[in-house]
Amino acid sequence: MPTSGRLSRLARARARQRGSALAWEGELEAAEAELGVAVELARVQGRTAALIDCLAAQAAVHCARSDFGAGGRGGDAGRGVSTSARRGPRGRG
């Protein structure tokens, strides 16, 4: 029979994996809720590496909600920046 520590690690891993799968399916609200559980479990358990992993997955969900295409609709976005051409020979000046 699994110990309570092992069960809590399994619960954290399950929440992390389920949250990622939901994000891939486009279920962003459900993914954020699952990953929130995983983050809290990692914090309570003092598992720093797991916490970073869960926070990274949660950040991916936040990124998925953003419209990154909006940056290329005007202004300087999309034109690129070339500093080497303005520096002169050997990149100096």
Protein backbone atom coordinates (compact mmCIF):
# COMPACT_ATOMS: atom_id res chain seq x y z
CA MET A 1 0.00 0.00 0.00
CA PRO A 2 1.39 3.46 -0.93
CA THR A 3 2.39 5.83 1.86
CA SER A 4 0.74 9.23 2.26
CA GLY A 5 3.93 10.93 0.99
CA ARG A 6 3.88 8.85 -2.14
CA LEU A 7 0.18 9.54 -2.64
CA SER A 8 0.75 13.28 -2.39
CA ARG A 9 3.61 13.08 -4.93
CA LEU A 10 1.35 11.10 -7.23
CA ALA A 11 -1.44 13.66 -6.76
CA ARG A 12 0.97 16.47 -7.68
CA ALA A 13 2.26 14.59 -10.73
CA ARG A 14 -1.28 13.76 -11.83
CA ALA A 15 -2.40 17.38 -11.50
CA ARG A 16 0.65 18.55 -13.47
CA GLN A 17 0.14 16.03 -16.27
CA ARG A 18 -3.60 16.56 -16.43
CA GLY A 19 -3.13 20.34 -16.52
CA SER A 20 -0.69 20.06 -19.41
CA ALA A 21 -3.00 17.73 -21.32
CA LEU A 22 -5.93 20.10 -20.81
CA ALA A 23 -3.83 22.99 -22.07
CA TRP A 24 -2.96 21.06 -25.23
CA GLU A 25 -6.66 20.38 -25.72
CA GLY A 26 -7.40 24.10 -25.46
CA GLU A 27 -9.22 23.82 -22.14
CA LEU A 28 -7.29 26.70 -20.63
CA GLU A 29 -9.51 27.39 -17.60
CA ALA A 30 -9.50 23.73 -16.56
CA ALA A 31 -5.75 23.54 -17.21
CA GLU A 32 -5.10 26.56 -15.02
CA ALA A 33 -7.19 25.05 -12.20
CA GLU A 34 -5.34 21.71 -12.36
CA LEU A 35 -1.96 23.37 -12.52
CA GLY A 36 -2.94 25.56 -9.58
CA VAL A 37 -3.45 22.38 -7.56
CA ALA A 38 -0.06 21.10 -8.67
CA VAL A 39 1.63 24.39 -7.73
CA GLU A 40 0.09 24.38 -4.26
CA LEU A 41 1.03 20.74 -3.66
CA ALA A 42 4.61 21.42 -4.72
CA ARG A 43 4.77 24.44 -2.39
CA VAL A 44 3.36 22.55 0.58
CA GLN A 45 5.69 19.62 -0.06
CA GLY A 46 8.71 21.90 -0.36
CA ARG A 47 9.59 20.44 -3.76
CA THR A 48 11.40 23.31 -5.48
CA ALA A 49 12.13 21.55 -8.78
CA ALA A 50 8.53 20.36 -9.04
CA LEU A 51 7.31 23.86 -8.21
CA ILE A 52 9.40 25.37 -11.01
CA ASP A 53 8.09 22.75 -13.42
CA CYS A 54 4.48 23.43 -12.44
CA LEU A 55 4.95 27.20 -12.62
CA ALA A 56 6.47 26.86 -16.09
CA ALA A 57 3.46 24.86 -17.24
CA GLN A 58 1.17 27.46 -15.69
CA ALA A 59 3.08 30.20 -17.53
CA ALA A 60 2.51 28.35 -20.80
CA VAL A 61 -1.24 28.48 -20.15
CA HIS A 62 -1.01 32.23 -19.55
CA CYS A 63 0.94 32.61 -22.79
CA ALA A 64 -1.67 30.60 -24.67
CA ARG A 65 -4.28 33.15 -23.61
CA SER A 66 -2.35 36.05 -25.14
CA ASP A 67 -2.66 37.25 -28.71
CA PHE A 68 0.96 37.46 -29.81
CA GLY A 69 -0.09 38.27 -33.37
CA ALA A 70 -1.22 41.71 -32.21
CA GLY A 71 2.41 42.86 -31.97
CA GLY A 72 2.93 42.61 -35.74
CA ARG A 73 0.01 44.83 -36.70
CA GLY A 74 1.81 48.13 -36.60
CA GLY A 75 4.71 50.12 -35.27
CA ASP A 76 8.20 48.67 -35.31
CA ALA A 77 7.12 45.10 -34.62
CA GLY A 78 7.96 42.75 -37.43
CA ARG A 79 10.60 44.98 -39.00
CA GLY A 80 13.44 43.61 -36.93
CA VAL A 81 16.37 45.46 -35.52
CA SER A 82 19.82 45.35 -37.03
CA THR A 83 22.37 47.05 -34.85
CA SER A 84 25.44 45.65 -36.59
CA ALA A 85 24.83 47.73 -39.73
CA ARG A 86 24.87 50.93 -37.68
CA ARG A 87 28.01 50.16 -35.69
CA GLY A 88 30.54 50.44 -38.45
CA PRO A 89 33.55 48.18 -39.06
CA ARG A 90 34.10 45.25 -36.72
CA GLY A 91 30.96 46.08 -34.76
CA ARG A 92 32.50 49.13 -33.07
CA GLY A 93 31.43 52.70 -32.99
